[in-house]
């Protein structure tokens, strides 16, 4: 055991200088992160489907681009819920004797995208009153982290709906007395 880096405490070993080392690492990585974020933005601007996915609150270019790249094409799934299931955002189900219990998230999909969607849901809850209202309704019955995890599939379904309906349907021909 290295005495200069660790010191025995009443609870266990504590790393001395850890905060300083982490702050140095943070200072080294911050410019690289900014550089990579700036590289993603032009790619997101080039894709019309990604630009459309930037409209919901909390969704940025990295999340929108990751969503499009992870799912492939919108015709791959019948709807938003199968897409959410593919991403691992659907709760596990335990049914017995006519009782249904929903448990933790199944988590079989893309870990990075699932993380980005949970972070986007947290941002949406902070800045949008409608998302905040839905979150508060869930948080009154469950813990805060469970409520945020429950908001991520809702965000994924809304993103999928925006993506699938990216091409606006042609306007129906107007007829009748109300047609200008």
C-alpha atoms as a PDB file:
ATOM      1  CA  UNK A   1       0.000   0.000   0.000  1.00  0.00           C
ATOM      2  CA  UNK A   2       1.361   3.360  -0.999  1.00  0.00           C
ATOM      3  CA  UNK A   3       1.496   5.703   1.996  1.00  0.00           C
ATOM      4  CA  UNK A   4       1.740   8.932  -0.012  1.00  0.00           C
ATOM      5  CA  UNK A   5      -1.559   8.321  -1.825  1.00  0.00           C
ATOM      6  CA  UNK A   6      -3.698   6.648   0.815  1.00  0.00           C
ATOM      7  CA  UNK A   7      -4.330   7.141   4.481  1.00  0.00           C
ATOM      8  CA  UNK A   8      -6.143   4.822   6.838  1.00  0.00           C
ATOM      9  CA  UNK A   9      -9.300   6.320   8.293  1.00  0.00           C
ATOM     10  CA  UNK A  10     -11.855   5.023  10.718  1.00  0.00           C
ATOM     11  CA  UNK A  11     -14.111   3.828   7.876  1.00  0.00           C
ATOM     12  CA  UNK A  12     -11.542   2.659   5.341  1.00  0.00           C
ATOM     13  CA  UNK A  13      -8.926   3.979   2.989  1.00  0.00           C
ATOM     14  CA  UNK A  14      -9.207   7.483   1.572  1.00  0.00           C
ATOM     15  CA  UNK A  15      -7.353   8.678  -1.518  1.00  0.00           C
ATOM     16  CA  UNK A  16      -5.407  11.863  -0.833  1.00  0.00           C
ATOM     17  CA  UNK A  17      -5.018  14.123  -3.831  1.00  0.00           C
ATOM     18  CA  UNK A  18      -7.849  12.454  -5.707  1.00  0.00           C
ATOM     19  CA  UNK A  19      -9.835  15.641  -6.122  1.00  0.00           C
ATOM     20  CA  UNK A  20      -6.821  17.483  -7.506  1.00  0.00           C
ATOM     21  CA  UNK A  21      -6.082  14.684  -9.986  1.00  0.00           C
ATOM     22  CA  UNK A  22      -9.715  14.572 -11.101  1.00  0.00           C
ATOM     23  CA  UNK A  23      -9.829  18.335 -11.605  1.00  0.00           C
ATOM     24  CA  UNK A  24      -6.678  18.133 -13.754  1.00  0.00           C
ATOM     25  CA  UNK A  25      -8.251  15.364 -15.813  1.00  0.00           C
ATOM     26  CA  UNK A  26     -11.426  17.425 -16.176  1.00  0.00           C
ATOM     27  CA  UNK A  27      -9.410  20.412 -17.412  1.00  0.00           C
ATOM     28  CA  UNK A  28      -7.667  18.198 -19.981  1.00  0.00           C
ATOM     29  CA  UNK A  29     -10.890  16.600 -21.256  1.00  0.00           C
ATOM     30  CA  UNK A  30     -13.081  19.718 -21.431  1.00  0.00           C
ATOM     31  CA  UNK A  31     -11.528  21.112 -24.663  1.00  0.00           C
ATOM     32  CA  UNK A  32     -11.706  17.675 -26.308  1.00  0.00           C
ATOM     33  CA  UNK A  33     -15.363  17.286 -25.367  1.00  0.00           C
ATOM     34  CA  UNK A  34     -16.135  20.738 -26.777  1.00  0.00           C
ATOM     35  CA  UNK A  35     -14.289  19.855 -29.992  1.00  0.00           C
ATOM     36  CA  UNK A  36     -16.239  16.611 -30.423  1.00  0.00           C
ATOM     37  CA  UNK A  37     -19.535  18.337 -29.663  1.00  0.00           C
ATOM     38  CA  UNK A  38     -18.811  20.928 -32.342  1.00  0.00           C
ATOM     39  CA  UNK A  39     -18.027  18.117 -34.797  1.00  0.00           C
ATOM     40  CA  UNK A  40     -21.420  16.497 -34.155  1.00  0.00           C
ATOM     41  CA  UNK A  41     -23.450  19.674 -34.754  1.00  0.00           C
ATOM     42  CA  UNK A  42     -22.753  19.961 -38.532  1.00  0.00           C
ATOM     43  CA  UNK A  43     -23.610  16.281 -38.984  1.00  0.00           C
ATOM     44  CA  UNK A  44     -26.888  16.824 -37.170  1.00  0.00           C
ATOM     45  CA  UNK A  45     -27.665  19.900 -39.298  1.00  0.00           C
ATOM     46  CA  UNK A  46     -27.154  17.908 -42.510  1.00  0.00           C
ATOM     47  CA  UNK A  47     -29.877  15.400 -41.656  1.00  0.00           C
ATOM     48  CA  UNK A  48     -33.460  16.692 -41.809  1.00  0.00           C
ATOM     49  CA  UNK A  49     -34.773  13.885 -39.579  1.00  0.00           C
ATOM     50  CA  UNK A  50     -32.288  14.839 -36.859  1.00  0.00           C
ATOM     51  CA  UNK A  51     -33.240  18.527 -37.126  1.00  0.00           C
ATOM     52  CA  UNK A  52     -36.871  17.572 -36.621  1.00  0.00           C
ATOM     53  CA  UNK A  53     -35.987  15.563 -33.500  1.00  0.00           C
ATOM     54  CA  UNK A  54     -34.433  18.660 -31.923  1.00  0.00           C
ATOM     55  CA  UNK A  55     -37.888  20.175 -31.328  1.00  0.00           C
ATOM     56  CA  UNK A  56     -38.846  18.380 -28.061  1.00  0.00           C
ATOM     57  CA  UNK A  57     -37.456  19.950 -24.889  1.00  0.00           C
ATOM     58  CA  UNK A  58     -34.217  18.504 -23.556  1.00  0.00           C
ATOM     59  CA  UNK A  59     -33.127  16.894 -26.834  1.00  0.00           C
ATOM     60  CA  UNK A  60     -29.872  18.143 -28.304  1.00  0.00           C
ATOM     61  CA  UNK A  61     -27.944  17.244 -31.445  1.00  0.00           C
ATOM     62  CA  UNK A  62     -26.031  14.379 -29.826  1.00  0.00           C
ATOM     63  CA  UNK A  63     -29.181  12.708 -28.488  1.00  0.00           C
ATOM     64  CA  UNK A  64     -31.119  13.200 -31.731  1.00  0.00           C
ATOM     65  CA  UNK A  65     -28.270  11.886 -33.884  1.00  0.00           C
ATOM     66  CA  UNK A  66     -27.701   8.907 -31.578  1.00  0.00           C
ATOM     67  CA  UNK A  67     -31.437   8.116 -31.712  1.00  0.00           C
ATOM     68  CA  UNK A  68     -31.493   8.106 -35.519  1.00  0.00           C
ATOM     69  CA  UNK A  69     -28.270   6.117 -35.849  1.00  0.00           C
ATOM     70  CA  UNK A  70     -29.212   3.514 -33.228  1.00  0.00           C
ATOM     71  CA  UNK A  71     -32.666   2.760 -34.610  1.00  0.00           C
ATOM     72  CA  UNK A  72     -31.778   2.782 -38.302  1.00  0.00           C
ATOM     73  CA  UNK A  73     -34.997   3.502 -40.184  1.00  0.00           C
ATOM     74  CA  UNK A  74     -38.391   4.465 -38.785  1.00  0.00           C
ATOM     75  CA  UNK A  75     -40.080   1.634 -40.698  1.00  0.00           C
ATOM     76  CA  UNK A  76     -38.102  -0.896 -38.662  1.00  0.00           C
ATOM     77  CA  UNK A  77     -40.675  -0.849 -35.841  1.00  0.00           C
ATOM     78  CA  UNK A  78     -44.474  -0.753 -35.892  1.00  0.00           C
ATOM     79  CA  UNK A  79     -44.601   2.033 -33.324  1.00  0.00           C
ATOM     80  CA  UNK A  80     -42.824   3.854 -30.550  1.00  0.00           C
ATOM     81  CA  UNK A  81     -43.316   1.190 -27.893  1.00  0.00           C
ATOM     82  CA  UNK A  82     -41.521  -1.582 -29.843  1.00  0.00           C
ATOM     83  CA  UNK A  83     -38.740   0.946 -30.466  1.00  0.00           C
ATOM     84  CA  UNK A  84     -38.629   1.696 -26.733  1.00  0.00           C
ATOM     85  CA  UNK A  85     -38.473  -2.011 -26.038  1.00  0.00           C
ATOM     86  CA  UNK A  86     -35.536  -2.324 -28.446  1.00  0.00           C
ATOM     87  CA  UNK A  87     -33.744   0.402 -26.509  1.00  0.00           C
ATOM     88  CA  UNK A  88     -34.361  -1.316 -23.154  1.00  0.00           C
ATOM     89  CA  UNK A  89     -36.682   1.384 -21.820  1.00  0.00           C
ATOM     90  CA  UNK A  90     -39.642  -0.913 -21.138  1.00  0.00           C
ATOM     91  CA  UNK A  91     -40.061  -2.293 -17.598  1.00  0.00           C
ATOM     92  CA  UNK A  92     -39.728  -6.008 -16.926  1.00  0.00           C
ATOM     93  CA  UNK A  93     -43.027  -7.690 -16.186  1.00  0.00           C
ATOM     94  CA  UNK A  94     -43.740 -10.305 -13.541  1.00  0.00           C
ATOM     95  CA  UNK A  95     -47.249 -11.746 -13.728  1.00  0.00           C
ATOM     96  CA  UNK A  96     -48.668 -14.379 -11.455  1.00  0.00           C
ATOM     97  CA  UNK A  97     -52.153 -15.298 -10.269  1.00  0.00           C
ATOM     98  CA  UNK A  98     -53.790 -12.510 -12.231  1.00  0.00           C
ATOM     99  CA  UNK A  99     -51.533  -9.823 -10.749  1.00  0.00           C
ATOM    100  CA  UNK A 100     -49.194  -7.806 -12.874  1.00  0.00           C
ATOM    101  CA  UNK A 101     -46.051  -6.209 -11.453  1.00  0.00           C
ATOM    102  CA  UNK A 102     -43.816  -3.926 -13.478  1.00  0.00           C
ATOM    103  CA  UNK A 103     -40.214  -3.925 -12.323  1.00  0.00           C
ATOM    104  CA  UNK A 104     -36.938  -2.328 -13.348  1.00  0.00           C
ATOM    105  CA  UNK A 105     -36.050  -1.391 -16.923  1.00  0.00           C
ATOM    106  CA  UNK A 106     -35.137  -4.376 -19.076  1.00  0.00           C
ATOM    107  CA  UNK A 107     -31.919  -2.677 -20.391  1.00  0.00           C
ATOM    108  CA  UNK A 108     -31.035  -4.909 -23.375  1.00  0.00           C
ATOM    109  CA  UNK A 109     -30.470  -2.076 -25.896  1.00  0.00           C
ATOM    110  CA  UNK A 110     -27.966   0.653 -26.596  1.00  0.00           C
ATOM    111  CA  UNK A 111     -26.615   1.804 -23.229  1.00  0.00           C
ATOM    112  CA  UNK A 112     -25.346   5.156 -24.474  1.00  0.00           C
ATOM    113  CA  UNK A 113     -28.661   6.079 -26.097  1.00  0.00           C
ATOM    114  CA  UNK A 114     -30.600   4.978 -23.024  1.00  0.00           C
ATOM    115  CA  UNK A 115     -28.341   7.215 -20.899  1.00  0.00           C
ATOM    116  CA  UNK A 116     -28.825  10.137 -23.310  1.00  0.00           C
ATOM    117  CA  UNK A 117     -32.616   9.714 -23.244  1.00  0.00           C
ATOM    118  CA  UNK A 118     -32.716   9.692 -19.443  1.00  0.00           C
ATOM    119  CA  UNK A 119     -30.567  12.846 -19.380  1.00  0.00           C
ATOM    120  CA  UNK A 120     -32.827  14.470 -21.994  1.00  0.00           C
ATOM    121  CA  UNK A 121     -35.872  13.536 -19.916  1.00  0.00           C
ATOM    122  CA  UNK A 122     -34.304  15.235 -16.891  1.00  0.00           C
ATOM    123  CA  UNK A 123     -33.686  18.377 -18.937  1.00  0.00           C
ATOM    124  CA  UNK A 124     -37.244  18.273 -20.315  1.00  0.00           C
ATOM    125  CA  UNK A 125     -38.647  17.995 -16.790  1.00  0.00           C
ATOM    126  CA  UNK A 126     -36.640  21.044 -15.707  1.00  0.00           C
ATOM    127  CA  UNK A 127     -37.542  23.350 -18.588  1.00  0.00           C
ATOM    128  CA  UNK A 128     -40.979  22.336 -19.911  1.00  0.00           C
ATOM    129  CA  UNK A 129     -44.123  22.755 -17.765  1.00  0.00           C
ATOM    130  CA  UNK A 130     -46.020  19.926 -19.463  1.00  0.00           C
ATOM    131  CA  UNK A 131     -43.196  17.438 -18.907  1.00  0.00           C
ATOM    132  CA  UNK A 132     -42.786  18.760 -15.358  1.00  0.00           C
ATOM    133  CA  UNK A 133     -46.461  18.122 -14.630  1.00  0.00           C
ATOM    134  CA  UNK A 134     -46.222  14.523 -15.878  1.00  0.00           C
ATOM    135  CA  UNK A 135     -43.056  13.998 -13.834  1.00  0.00           C
ATOM    136  CA  UNK A 136     -44.565  15.392 -10.635  1.00  0.00           C
ATOM    137  CA  UNK A 137     -47.592  13.137 -11.085  1.00  0.00           C
ATOM    138  CA  UNK A 138     -45.282  10.105 -11.314  1.00  0.00           C
ATOM    139  CA  UNK A 139     -42.952  11.297  -8.550  1.00  0.00           C
ATOM    140  CA  UNK A 140     -45.842  11.553  -6.072  1.00  0.00           C
ATOM    141  CA  UNK A 141     -46.322   7.786  -6.372  1.00  0.00           C
ATOM    142  CA  UNK A 142     -42.727   6.656  -6.923  1.00  0.00           C
ATOM    143  CA  UNK A 143     -39.210   7.777  -6.130  1.00  0.00           C
ATOM    144  CA  UNK A 144     -37.666  10.594  -8.152  1.00  0.00           C
ATOM    145  CA  UNK A 145     -35.175   8.392 -10.017  1.00  0.00           C
ATOM    146  CA  UNK A 146     -37.924   5.906 -10.907  1.00  0.00           C
ATOM    147  CA  UNK A 147     -40.092   8.748 -12.198  1.00  0.00           C
ATOM    148  CA  UNK A 148     -37.256  10.087 -14.376  1.00  0.00           C
ATOM    149  CA  UNK A 149     -36.624   6.589 -15.736  1.00  0.00           C
ATOM    150  CA  UNK A 150     -40.348   6.397 -16.529  1.00  0.00           C
ATOM    151  CA  UNK A 151     -40.160   9.690 -18.446  1.00  0.00           C
ATOM    152  CA  UNK A 152     -37.390   8.423 -20.756  1.00  0.00           C
ATOM    153  CA  UNK A 153     -39.649   5.931 -22.610  1.00  0.00           C
ATOM    154  CA  UNK A 154     -42.248   8.682 -23.051  1.00  0.00           C
ATOM    155  CA  UNK A 155     -39.569  10.856 -24.633  1.00  0.00           C
ATOM    156  CA  UNK A 156     -38.406   7.968 -26.850  1.00  0.00           C
ATOM    157  CA  UNK A 157     -41.975   7.340 -28.058  1.00  0.00           C
ATOM    158  CA  UNK A 158     -42.483  11.024 -28.850  1.00  0.00           C
ATOM    159  CA  UNK A 159     -39.138  11.156 -30.700  1.00  0.00           C
ATOM    160  CA  UNK A 160     -40.091   8.068 -32.677  1.00  0.00           C
ATOM    161  CA  UNK A 161     -43.439   9.617 -33.599  1.00  0.00           C
ATOM    162  CA  UNK A 162     -41.724  12.785 -34.815  1.00  0.00           C
ATOM    163  CA  UNK A 163     -39.222  10.739 -36.790  1.00  0.00           C
ATOM    164  CA  UNK A 164     -41.770   8.394 -38.363  1.00  0.00           C
ATOM    165  CA  UNK A 165     -44.022  11.274 -39.394  1.00  0.00           C
ATOM    166  CA  UNK A 166     -41.096  13.317 -40.711  1.00  0.00           C
ATOM    167  CA  UNK A 167     -42.645  13.580 -44.122  1.00  0.00           C
ATOM    168  CA  UNK A 168     -45.746  15.668 -43.692  1.00  0.00           C
ATOM    169  CA  UNK A 169     -48.735  13.893 -45.240  1.00  0.00           C
ATOM    170  CA  UNK A 170     -50.079  15.509 -48.396  1.00  0.00           C
ATOM    171  CA  UNK A 171     -52.922  17.884 -47.781  1.00  0.00           C
ATOM    172  CA  UNK A 172     -56.327  16.332 -48.375  1.00  0.00           C
ATOM    173  CA  UNK A 173     -58.241  17.932 -51.216  1.00  0.00           C
ATOM    174  CA  UNK A 174     -60.721  20.372 -49.824  1.00  0.00           C
ATOM    175  CA  UNK A 175     -64.317  20.162 -50.855  1.00  0.00           C
ATOM    176  CA  UNK A 176     -67.608  21.422 -49.566  1.00  0.00           C
ATOM    177  CA  UNK A 177     -68.750  24.818 -48.401  1.00  0.00           C
ATOM    178  CA  UNK A 178     -65.745  25.388 -46.115  1.00  0.00           C
ATOM    179  CA  UNK A 179     -63.207  25.060 -48.962  1.00  0.00           C
ATOM    180  CA  UNK A 180     -61.878  28.588 -49.557  1.00  0.00           C
END
